[in-house]
């Protein structure tokens, strides 16, 4: 086989041998690119895309971890506050006591307690809707401040303030105050 090829090449002139050599080089380069270089580039691009996706996932995991730790910290703080709250705490009596401290107990038109059991968890949302009539802005501010800064985890869910037509110094208010109970 080798001899046959050699004799065929000897019969060709110099230009034909150069053309065959160029064709063989072209075929060798084509095969090298097709089976070695292109697969290497494709693999490199795949690895770069995988690395990018993994870095993005890592960043998202770190963000979620930070959020989880913050939620866990808040949960622990809430649990500690629940444990420190007086045994037998009720929102109704708490609001009534605060109204006495601020001096607006006689301005309470009504207080309507209600509660809702949470679907998930062992907590109950306790809500009191109350109407205050004829309170000053200073009294209202003090009362709201005492509610919101209480260590009993109480918050004002909704508030509606109106001024009676006959006077400008007094307010009427309807509040919805809520807290969680075990």
N, C-alpha and C. Protein backbone atom coordinates (compact mmCIF):
# COMPACT_ATOMS: atom_id res chain seq x y z
N UNK A 1 0.82 -1.18 0.00
CA UNK A 1 0.00 0.00 0.00
C UNK A 1 0.87 1.25 0.00
N UNK A 2 1.91 1.19 0.79
CA UNK A 2 2.82 2.31 0.88
C UNK A 2 3.53 2.54 -0.46
N UNK A 3 3.92 1.46 -1.08
CA UNK A 3 4.61 1.57 -2.37
C UNK A 3 3.70 2.13 -3.45
N UNK A 4 2.45 1.73 -3.41
CA UNK A 4 1.51 2.21 -4.42
C UNK A 4 1.32 3.72 -4.28
N UNK A 5 1.17 4.17 -3.07
CA UNK A 5 1.01 5.60 -2.83
C UNK A 5 2.24 6.37 -3.27
N UNK A 6 3.43 5.81 -2.96
CA UNK A 6 4.67 6.48 -3.32
C UNK A 6 4.81 6.56 -4.84
N UNK A 7 4.45 5.49 -5.53
CA UNK A 7 4.57 5.52 -6.99
C UNK A 7 3.56 6.49 -7.61
N UNK A 8 2.35 6.59 -6.99
CA UNK A 8 1.35 7.55 -7.49
C UNK A 8 1.83 8.98 -7.30
N UNK A 9 2.44 9.24 -6.17
CA UNK A 9 2.93 10.58 -5.89
C UNK A 9 4.09 10.95 -6.82
N UNK A 10 4.93 9.97 -7.19
CA UNK A 10 6.07 10.24 -8.07
C UNK A 10 5.61 10.56 -9.48
N UNK A 11 4.47 10.02 -9.88
CA UNK A 11 3.98 10.28 -11.21
C UNK A 11 3.35 11.67 -11.35
N UNK A 12 2.99 12.28 -10.19
CA UNK A 12 2.36 13.59 -10.23
C UNK A 12 3.41 14.68 -10.35
N UNK A 13 3.03 15.79 -10.98
CA UNK A 13 3.98 16.89 -11.06
C UNK A 13 3.98 17.67 -9.75
N UNK A 14 4.84 18.67 -9.67
CA UNK A 14 5.07 19.40 -8.42
C UNK A 14 3.80 20.16 -7.99
N UNK A 15 3.09 20.74 -8.92
CA UNK A 15 1.89 21.49 -8.59
C UNK A 15 0.79 20.57 -8.06
N UNK A 16 0.61 19.42 -8.65
CA UNK A 16 -0.40 18.46 -8.18
C UNK A 16 -0.07 17.94 -6.79
N UNK A 17 1.26 17.68 -6.56
CA UNK A 17 1.66 17.24 -5.21
C UNK A 17 1.38 18.34 -4.18
N UNK A 18 1.63 19.58 -4.55
CA UNK A 18 1.36 20.70 -3.64
C UNK A 18 -0.14 20.80 -3.35
N UNK A 19 -0.97 20.60 -4.37
CA UNK A 19 -2.42 20.66 -4.20
C UNK A 19 -2.90 19.54 -3.28
N UNK A 20 -2.36 18.35 -3.47
CA UNK A 20 -2.73 17.22 -2.61
C UNK A 20 -2.25 17.49 -1.18
N UNK A 21 -1.04 18.00 -1.03
CA UNK A 21 -0.52 18.34 0.30
C UNK A 21 -1.38 19.38 0.99
N UNK A 22 -1.80 20.41 0.20
CA UNK A 22 -2.65 21.45 0.77
C UNK A 22 -4.00 20.86 1.17
N UNK A 23 -4.53 19.97 0.33
CA UNK A 23 -5.81 19.33 0.65
C UNK A 23 -5.69 18.49 1.91
N UNK A 24 -4.58 17.74 2.04
CA UNK A 24 -4.37 16.93 3.24
C UNK A 24 -4.22 17.80 4.48
N UNK A 25 -3.50 18.93 4.33
CA UNK A 25 -3.37 19.87 5.47
C UNK A 25 -4.73 20.43 5.84
N UNK A 26 -5.53 20.80 4.84
CA UNK A 26 -6.86 21.32 5.10
C UNK A 26 -7.71 20.28 5.82
N UNK A 27 -7.67 19.05 5.36
CA UNK A 27 -8.44 17.98 6.00
C UNK A 27 -7.95 17.76 7.43
N UNK A 28 -6.63 17.78 7.63
CA UNK A 28 -6.08 17.59 8.98
C UNK A 28 -6.52 18.74 9.91
N UNK A 29 -6.46 19.97 9.39
CA UNK A 29 -6.89 21.12 10.21
C UNK A 29 -8.38 21.03 10.48
N UNK A 30 -9.17 20.67 9.48
CA UNK A 30 -10.62 20.54 9.66
C UNK A 30 -10.94 19.49 10.72
N UNK A 31 -10.29 18.35 10.63
CA UNK A 31 -10.51 17.28 11.62
C UNK A 31 -10.08 17.74 13.01
N UNK A 32 -8.95 18.43 13.09
CA UNK A 32 -8.48 18.93 14.39
C UNK A 32 -9.49 19.90 15.00
N UNK A 33 -9.97 20.82 14.18
CA UNK A 33 -10.97 21.77 14.69
C UNK A 33 -12.26 21.06 15.07
N UNK A 34 -12.73 20.17 14.22
CA UNK A 34 -14.01 19.51 14.42
C UNK A 34 -14.00 18.59 15.64
N UNK A 35 -12.93 17.88 15.89
CA UNK A 35 -12.93 16.87 16.95
C UNK A 35 -12.14 17.27 18.19
N UNK A 36 -11.35 18.34 18.09
CA UNK A 36 -10.55 18.72 19.26
C UNK A 36 -10.88 20.14 19.72
N UNK A 37 -10.74 21.12 18.85
CA UNK A 37 -10.85 22.53 19.27
C UNK A 37 -12.30 22.92 19.53
N UNK A 38 -13.23 22.64 18.60
CA UNK A 38 -14.63 23.01 18.82
C UNK A 38 -15.22 22.34 20.07
N UNK A 39 -15.03 21.05 20.27
CA UNK A 39 -15.55 20.45 21.52
C UNK A 39 -14.93 21.08 22.78
N UNK A 40 -13.66 21.43 22.68
CA UNK A 40 -13.00 22.09 23.83
C UNK A 40 -13.67 23.44 24.12
N UNK A 41 -13.91 24.25 23.07
CA UNK A 41 -14.57 25.54 23.24
C UNK A 41 -15.99 25.38 23.79
N UNK A 42 -16.71 24.40 23.22
CA UNK A 42 -18.08 24.16 23.70
C UNK A 42 -18.07 23.77 25.18
N UNK A 43 -17.16 22.92 25.56
CA UNK A 43 -17.05 22.50 26.96
C UNK A 43 -16.70 23.70 27.84
N UNK A 44 -15.80 24.54 27.35
CA UNK A 44 -15.41 25.74 28.11
C UNK A 44 -16.61 26.66 28.30
N UNK A 45 -17.39 26.89 27.24
CA UNK A 45 -18.57 27.74 27.33
C UNK A 45 -19.60 27.14 28.28
N UNK A 46 -19.81 25.82 28.21
CA UNK A 46 -20.73 25.14 29.13
C UNK A 46 -20.29 25.32 30.57
N UNK A 47 -19.00 25.16 30.81
CA UNK A 47 -18.48 25.33 32.17
C UNK A 47 -18.65 26.77 32.65
N UNK A 48 -18.42 27.74 31.77
CA UNK A 48 -18.59 29.15 32.15
C UNK A 48 -20.05 29.45 32.49
N UNK A 49 -21.00 28.92 31.67
CA UNK A 49 -22.42 29.12 31.96
C UNK A 49 -22.81 28.43 33.26
N UNK A 50 -22.29 27.24 33.49
CA UNK A 50 -22.57 26.53 34.74
C UNK A 50 -22.02 27.30 35.93
N UNK A 51 -20.81 27.82 35.79
CA UNK A 51 -20.21 28.60 36.86
C UNK A 51 -21.04 29.85 37.15
N UNK A 52 -21.48 30.55 36.10
CA UNK A 52 -22.33 31.73 36.28
C UNK A 52 -23.61 31.38 37.01
N UNK A 53 -24.26 30.30 36.59
CA UNK A 53 -25.51 29.88 37.23
C UNK A 53 -25.27 29.49 38.69
N UNK A 54 -24.19 28.80 38.96
CA UNK A 54 -23.88 28.41 40.33
C UNK A 54 -23.55 29.62 41.20
N UNK A 55 -22.85 30.61 40.64
CA UNK A 55 -22.57 31.84 41.40
C UNK A 55 -23.86 32.59 41.70
N UNK A 56 -24.77 32.63 40.73
CA UNK A 56 -26.06 33.27 40.94
C UNK A 56 -26.84 32.54 42.03
N UNK A 57 -26.84 31.21 41.98
CA UNK A 57 -27.52 30.40 43.00
C UNK A 57 -26.90 30.63 44.38
N UNK A 58 -25.59 30.71 44.43
CA UNK A 58 -24.90 30.94 45.70
C UNK A 58 -25.29 32.28 46.29
N UNK A 59 -25.35 33.31 45.43
CA UNK A 59 -25.75 34.63 45.89
C UNK A 59 -27.17 34.60 46.43
N UNK A 60 -28.06 33.91 45.73
CA UNK A 60 -29.45 33.79 46.18
C UNK A 60 -29.54 33.02 47.49
N UNK A 61 -28.74 31.98 47.62
CA UNK A 61 -28.73 31.19 48.86
C UNK A 61 -28.25 32.05 50.02
N UNK A 62 -27.23 32.86 49.79
CA UNK A 62 -26.73 33.74 50.85
C UNK A 62 -27.78 34.77 51.25
N UNK A 63 -28.50 35.30 50.27
CA UNK A 63 -29.57 36.26 50.57
C UNK A 63 -30.67 35.59 51.38
N UNK A 64 -31.06 34.39 50.96
CA UNK A 64 -32.10 33.66 51.68
C UNK A 64 -31.64 33.29 53.09
N UNK A 65 -30.37 32.97 53.23
CA UNK A 65 -29.83 32.64 54.56
C UNK A 65 -29.91 33.85 55.47
N UNK A 66 -29.54 35.03 54.94
CA UNK A 66 -29.60 36.25 55.74
C UNK A 66 -31.04 36.56 56.14
N UNK A 67 -31.98 36.39 55.20
CA UNK A 67 -33.39 36.61 55.52
C UNK A 67 -33.87 35.62 56.57
N UNK A 68 -33.48 34.36 56.42
CA UNK A 68 -33.87 33.33 57.39
C UNK A 68 -33.33 33.66 58.77
N UNK A 69 -32.07 34.06 58.85
CA UNK A 69 -31.48 34.39 60.14
C UNK A 69 -32.17 35.59 60.77
N UNK A 70 -32.54 36.59 59.95
CA UNK A 70 -33.26 37.75 60.47
C UNK A 70 -34.63 37.34 61.00
N UNK A 71 -35.32 36.48 60.24
CA UNK A 71 -36.63 36.00 60.68
C UNK A 71 -36.52 35.17 61.95
N UNK A 72 -35.49 34.34 62.01
CA UNK A 72 -35.28 33.52 63.19
C UNK A 72 -35.00 34.39 64.42
N UNK A 73 -34.21 35.45 64.21
CA UNK A 73 -33.91 36.38 65.31
C UNK A 73 -35.17 37.07 65.78
N UNK A 74 -35.99 37.54 64.83
CA UNK A 74 -37.25 38.19 65.20
C UNK A 74 -38.19 37.21 65.89
N UNK A 75 -38.21 35.98 65.42
CA UNK A 75 -39.05 34.96 66.04
C UNK A 75 -38.62 34.69 67.48
N UNK A 76 -37.32 34.58 67.68
CA UNK A 76 -36.81 34.36 69.04
C UNK A 76 -37.12 35.55 69.94
N UNK A 77 -36.98 36.75 69.40
CA UNK A 77 -37.29 37.95 70.18
C UNK A 77 -38.77 37.98 70.55
N UNK A 78 -39.62 37.62 69.59
CA UNK A 78 -41.06 37.57 69.87
C UNK A 78 -41.38 36.51 70.91
N UNK A 79 -40.74 35.36 70.80
CA UNK A 79 -40.97 34.29 71.78
C UNK A 79 -40.57 34.76 73.18
N UNK A 80 -39.43 35.45 73.28
CA UNK A 80 -38.96 35.97 74.57
C UNK A 80 -39.95 36.99 75.11
N UNK A 81 -40.46 37.86 74.22
CA UNK A 81 -41.45 38.85 74.67
C UNK A 81 -42.73 38.17 75.14
N UNK A 82 -43.15 37.11 74.45
CA UNK A 82 -44.33 36.37 74.89
C UNK A 82 -44.11 35.79 76.28
N UNK A 83 -42.93 35.23 76.50
CA UNK A 83 -42.63 34.63 77.79
C UNK A 83 -42.58 35.66 78.90
N UNK A 84 -42.16 36.88 78.61
CA UNK A 84 -42.07 37.95 79.61
C UNK A 84 -43.41 38.64 79.86
N UNK A 85 -44.36 38.47 78.98
CA UNK A 85 -45.66 39.10 79.14
C UNK A 85 -46.35 38.50 80.36
N UNK A 86 -47.08 39.33 81.09
CA UNK A 86 -47.78 38.88 82.29
C UNK A 86 -48.70 37.72 81.97
N UNK A 87 -48.74 36.74 82.86
CA UNK A 87 -49.68 35.63 82.70
C UNK A 87 -51.09 36.20 82.81
N UNK A 88 -51.98 35.75 81.99
CA UNK A 88 -53.35 36.25 82.02
C UNK A 88 -53.52 37.58 81.30
N UNK A 89 -52.55 37.98 80.50
CA UNK A 89 -52.63 39.24 79.75
C UNK A 89 -53.80 39.17 78.78
N UNK A 90 -54.62 40.22 78.78
CA UNK A 90 -55.66 40.36 77.75
C UNK A 90 -55.56 41.76 77.17
N UNK A 91 -55.81 41.86 75.91
CA UNK A 91 -55.71 43.13 75.20
C UNK A 91 -56.75 44.13 75.73
N UNK A 92 -57.94 43.63 75.99
CA UNK A 92 -59.02 44.49 76.48
C UNK A 92 -58.62 45.19 77.78
N UNK A 93 -58.16 44.41 78.75
CA UNK A 93 -57.79 45.00 80.05
C UNK A 93 -56.56 45.90 79.92
N UNK A 94 -55.63 45.55 79.03
CA UNK A 94 -54.44 46.36 78.79
C UNK A 94 -54.84 47.74 78.27
N UNK A 95 -55.74 47.79 77.26
CA UNK A 95 -56.17 49.06 76.69
C UNK A 95 -56.97 49.87 77.71
N UNK A 96 -57.78 49.21 78.51
CA UNK A 96 -58.56 49.88 79.54
C UNK A 96 -57.63 50.52 80.58
N UNK A 97 -56.60 49.79 80.99
CA UNK A 97 -55.63 50.30 81.97
C UNK A 97 -54.87 51.51 81.39
N UNK A 98 -54.42 51.40 80.14
CA UNK A 98 -53.72 52.53 79.51
C UNK A 98 -54.62 53.76 79.40
N UNK A 99 -55.89 53.56 79.09
CA UNK A 99 -56.83 54.70 79.00
C UNK A 99 -56.93 55.38 80.36
N UNK A 100 -56.92 54.60 81.43
CA UNK A 100 -56.94 55.19 82.78
C UNK A 100 -55.67 55.98 83.05
N UNK A 101 -54.50 55.46 82.62
CA UNK A 101 -53.23 56.16 82.84
C UNK A 101 -53.19 57.49 82.10
N UNK A 102 -53.73 57.53 80.91
CA UNK A 102 -53.70 58.75 80.09
C UNK A 102 -54.83 59.70 80.50
N UNK A 103 -55.85 59.19 81.16
CA UNK A 103 -56.97 60.02 81.59
C UNK A 103 -58.08 60.14 80.57
N UNK A 104 -58.26 59.12 79.76
CA UNK A 104 -59.32 59.16 78.75
C UNK A 104 -60.32 58.02 78.93
N UNK A 105 -60.31 57.41 80.10
CA UNK A 105 -61.20 56.27 80.33
C UNK A 105 -62.67 56.69 80.19
N UNK A 106 -63.01 57.88 80.65
CA UNK A 106 -64.39 58.34 80.57
C UNK A 106 -64.77 58.72 79.14
N UNK A 107 -63.79 58.82 78.24
CA UNK A 107 -64.06 59.17 76.83
C UNK A 107 -64.29 57.93 75.96
N UNK A 108 -64.22 56.75 76.54
CA UNK A 108 -64.43 55.53 75.77
C UNK A 108 -65.93 55.35 75.53
N UNK A 109 -66.33 55.37 74.26
CA UNK A 109 -67.73 55.17 73.90
C UNK A 109 -68.05 53.67 73.89
N UNK A 110 -67.14 52.88 73.32
CA UNK A 110 -67.31 51.42 73.34
C UNK A 110 -65.98 50.74 73.10
N UNK A 111 -65.92 49.47 73.51
CA UNK A 111 -64.77 48.60 73.24
C UNK A 111 -65.33 47.24 72.84
N UNK A 112 -65.00 46.79 71.64
CA UNK A 112 -65.50 45.51 71.12
C UNK A 112 -64.33 44.56 70.91
N UNK A 113 -64.17 43.55 71.78
CA UNK A 113 -63.09 42.58 71.59
C UNK A 113 -63.50 41.48 70.60
N UNK A 114 -62.52 40.96 69.88
CA UNK A 114 -62.73 39.80 69.01
C UNK A 114 -61.40 39.07 68.87
N UNK A 115 -61.47 37.84 68.41
CA UNK A 115 -60.23 37.08 68.20
C UNK A 115 -60.39 36.17 67.00
N UNK A 116 -59.24 35.88 66.37
CA UNK A 116 -59.20 35.01 65.20
C UNK A 116 -58.06 34.03 65.39
N UNK A 117 -58.36 32.74 65.22
CA UNK A 117 -57.33 31.71 65.33
C UNK A 117 -56.59 31.64 64.00
N UNK A 118 -55.25 31.68 64.06
CA UNK A 118 -54.42 31.59 62.85
C UNK A 118 -54.52 30.18 62.27
N UNK A 119 -54.54 30.08 60.94
CA UNK A 119 -54.60 28.77 60.29
C UNK A 119 -53.34 27.97 60.55
N UNK A 120 -52.20 28.64 60.47
CA UNK A 120 -50.92 27.98 60.68
C UNK A 120 -50.32 28.53 61.96
N UNK A 121 -50.09 27.67 62.92
CA UNK A 121 -49.46 28.11 64.16
C UNK A 121 -50.41 28.00 65.33
N UNK A 122 -49.85 28.24 66.49
CA UNK A 122 -50.60 28.10 67.73
C UNK A 122 -51.02 29.45 68.29
N UNK A 123 -51.09 30.47 67.46
CA UNK A 123 -51.38 31.82 67.93
C UNK A 123 -52.79 32.24 67.56
N UNK A 124 -53.31 33.15 68.38
CA UNK A 124 -54.61 33.76 68.13
C UNK A 124 -54.39 35.26 68.01
N UNK A 125 -55.00 35.87 67.00
CA UNK A 125 -54.92 37.32 66.86
C UNK A 125 -56.09 37.89 67.65
N UNK A 126 -55.74 38.66 68.67
CA UNK A 126 -56.75 39.31 69.50
C UNK A 126 -56.88 40.75 69.03
N UNK A 127 -58.12 41.19 68.80
CA UNK A 127 -58.38 42.52 68.26
C UNK A 127 -59.42 43.21 69.12
N UNK A 128 -59.20 44.48 69.40
CA UNK A 128 -60.20 45.29 70.11
C UNK A 128 -60.46 46.52 69.26
N UNK A 129 -61.73 46.72 68.92
CA UNK A 129 -62.12 47.96 68.25
C UNK A 129 -62.70 48.86 69.33
N UNK A 130 -62.23 50.09 69.36
CA UNK A 130 -62.72 51.01 70.39
C UNK A 130 -62.96 52.38 69.80
N UNK A 131 -63.96 53.05 70.38
CA UNK A 131 -64.26 54.41 69.94
C UNK A 131 -64.02 55.35 71.12
N UNK A 132 -63.28 56.41 70.84
CA UNK A 132 -63.00 57.45 71.83
C UNK A 132 -63.68 58.72 71.36
N UNK A 133 -64.37 59.40 72.27
CA UNK A 133 -65.07 60.64 71.91
C UNK A 133 -64.54 61.79 72.75
N UNK A 134 -64.29 62.91 72.12
CA UNK A 134 -63.91 64.12 72.81
C UNK A 134 -62.56 64.08 73.50
N UNK A 135 -61.53 63.55 72.83
CA UNK A 135 -60.18 63.54 73.40
C UNK A 135 -59.35 64.62 72.72
N UNK A 136 -58.37 65.12 73.46
CA UNK A 136 -57.48 66.13 72.87
C UNK A 136 -56.41 65.44 72.03
N UNK A 137 -55.77 66.22 71.20
CA UNK A 137 -54.69 65.66 70.36
C UNK A 137 -53.57 65.13 71.25
N UNK A 138 -53.27 65.83 72.33
CA UNK A 138 -52.21 65.40 73.26
C UNK A 138 -52.56 64.07 73.92
N UNK A 139 -53.81 63.92 74.36
CA UNK A 139 -54.24 62.66 74.98
C UNK A 139 -54.16 61.51 73.97
N UNK A 140 -54.61 61.79 72.76
CA UNK A 140 -54.59 60.76 71.71
C UNK A 140 -53.15 60.34 71.40
N UNK A 141 -52.26 61.32 71.32
CA UNK A 141 -50.85 61.04 71.04
C UNK A 141 -50.23 60.21 72.16
N UNK A 142 -50.50 60.55 73.39
CA UNK A 142 -49.97 59.79 74.53
C UNK A 142 -50.49 58.36 74.52
N UNK A 143 -51.78 58.21 74.26
CA UNK A 143 -52.39 56.88 74.25
C UNK A 143 -51.78 56.00 73.15
N UNK A 144 -51.67 56.56 71.96
CA UNK A 144 -51.08 55.80 70.85
C UNK A 144 -49.62 55.46 71.11
N UNK A 145 -48.89 56.39 71.71
CA UNK A 145 -47.49 56.14 72.03
C UNK A 145 -47.36 54.99 73.02
N UNK A 146 -48.20 54.99 74.05
CA UNK A 146 -48.15 53.92 75.06
C UNK A 146 -48.53 52.56 74.45
N UNK A 147 -49.45 52.58 73.51
CA UNK A 147 -49.83 51.31 72.85
C UNK A 147 -48.67 50.78 72.02
N UNK A 148 -48.12 51.63 71.17
CA UNK A 148 -47.10 51.18 70.23
C UNK A 148 -45.75 50.86 70.88
N UNK A 149 -45.43 51.50 71.99
CA UNK A 149 -44.13 51.26 72.64
C UNK A 149 -44.22 50.22 73.75
N UNK A 150 -45.37 49.64 73.92
CA UNK A 150 -45.55 48.62 74.96
C UNK A 150 -44.69 47.40 74.65
N UNK A 151 -44.20 46.76 75.69
CA UNK A 151 -43.41 45.54 75.53
C UNK A 151 -44.31 44.31 75.36
N UNK A 152 -45.61 44.55 75.29
CA UNK A 152 -46.58 43.45 75.16
C UNK A 152 -46.91 43.11 73.72
N UNK A 153 -46.15 43.64 72.78
CA UNK A 153 -46.32 43.36 71.36
C UNK A 153 -47.74 43.70 70.88
N UNK A 154 -48.15 44.93 71.15
CA UNK A 154 -49.46 45.43 70.76
C UNK A 154 -49.24 46.49 69.69
N UNK A 155 -50.12 46.51 68.69
CA UNK A 155 -49.98 47.51 67.63
C UNK A 155 -51.35 48.00 67.18
N UNK A 156 -51.36 49.22 66.65
CA UNK A 156 -52.59 49.79 66.11
C UNK A 156 -52.70 49.33 64.66
N UNK A 157 -53.77 48.61 64.38
CA UNK A 157 -53.97 48.09 63.03
C UNK A 157 -54.61 49.16 62.13
N UNK A 158 -55.58 49.88 62.68
CA UNK A 158 -56.30 50.88 61.90
C UNK A 158 -56.74 51.99 62.82
N UNK A 159 -56.77 53.20 62.31
CA UNK A 159 -57.22 54.35 63.09
C UNK A 159 -57.98 55.30 62.18
N UNK A 160 -59.03 55.88 62.73
CA UNK A 160 -59.82 56.87 62.01
C UNK A 160 -60.06 58.03 62.97
N UNK A 161 -59.62 59.22 62.61
CA UNK A 161 -59.75 60.41 63.44
C UNK A 161 -60.70 61.39 62.76
N UNK A 162 -61.61 61.95 63.54
CA UNK A 162 -62.51 62.98 63.03
C UNK A 162 -62.63 64.09 64.07
N UNK A 163 -62.99 65.28 63.61
CA UNK A 163 -63.24 66.40 64.51
C UNK A 163 -64.75 66.63 64.55
N UNK A 164 -65.29 66.71 65.76
CA UNK A 164 -66.72 67.04 65.85
C UNK A 164 -66.95 68.45 65.29
N UNK A 165 -68.12 68.69 64.78
CA UNK A 165 -68.43 69.98 64.15
C UNK A 165 -68.40 71.15 65.14
N UNK A 166 -68.77 70.89 66.39
CA UNK A 166 -68.92 71.97 67.34
C UNK A 166 -67.61 72.48 67.94
N UNK A 167 -66.51 71.74 67.85
CA UNK A 167 -65.26 72.18 68.47
C UNK A 167 -64.06 71.78 67.64
N UNK A 168 -63.01 72.57 67.73
CA UNK A 168 -61.80 72.26 66.99
C UNK A 168 -60.71 71.65 67.86
N UNK A 169 -60.87 71.64 69.17
CA UNK A 169 -59.80 71.15 70.04
C UNK A 169 -59.95 69.68 70.43
N UNK A 170 -61.08 69.06 70.11
CA UNK A 170 -61.30 67.67 70.48
C UNK A 170 -61.41 66.79 69.24
N UNK A 171 -61.10 65.53 69.44
CA UNK A 171 -61.15 64.53 68.37
C UNK A 171 -62.06 63.39 68.75
N UNK A 172 -62.61 62.74 67.75
CA UNK A 172 -63.26 61.45 67.92
C UNK A 172 -62.37 60.45 67.18
N UNK A 173 -62.19 59.28 67.76
CA UNK A 173 -61.30 58.30 67.13
C UNK A 173 -61.92 56.91 67.22
N UNK A 174 -61.72 56.15 66.17
CA UNK A 174 -62.05 54.73 66.16
C UNK A 174 -60.75 54.00 65.89
N UNK A 175 -60.37 53.14 66.83
CA UNK A 175 -59.10 52.40 66.75
C UNK A 175 -59.36 50.91 66.64
N UNK A 176 -58.50 50.24 65.91
CA UNK A 176 -58.44 48.78 65.94
C UNK A 176 -57.03 48.45 66.41
N UNK A 177 -56.94 47.82 67.58
CA UNK A 177 -55.68 47.47 68.18
C UNK A 177 -55.59 45.96 68.21
N UNK A 178 -54.41 45.43 67.89
CA UNK A 178 -54.27 43.97 67.84
C UNK A 178 -53.01 43.49 68.52
N UNK A 179 -53.00 42.22 68.88
CA UNK A 179 -51.84 41.55 69.41
C UNK A 179 -51.99 40.05 69.17
N UNK A 180 -50.92 39.34 69.32
CA UNK A 180 -50.96 37.89 69.23
C UNK A 180 -51.01 37.30 70.62
N UNK A 181 -51.78 36.24 70.78
CA UNK A 181 -51.86 35.55 72.06
C UNK A 181 -51.64 34.07 71.81
N UNK A 182 -51.08 33.42 72.82
CA UNK A 182 -50.82 31.98 72.72
C UNK A 182 -52.05 31.22 73.10
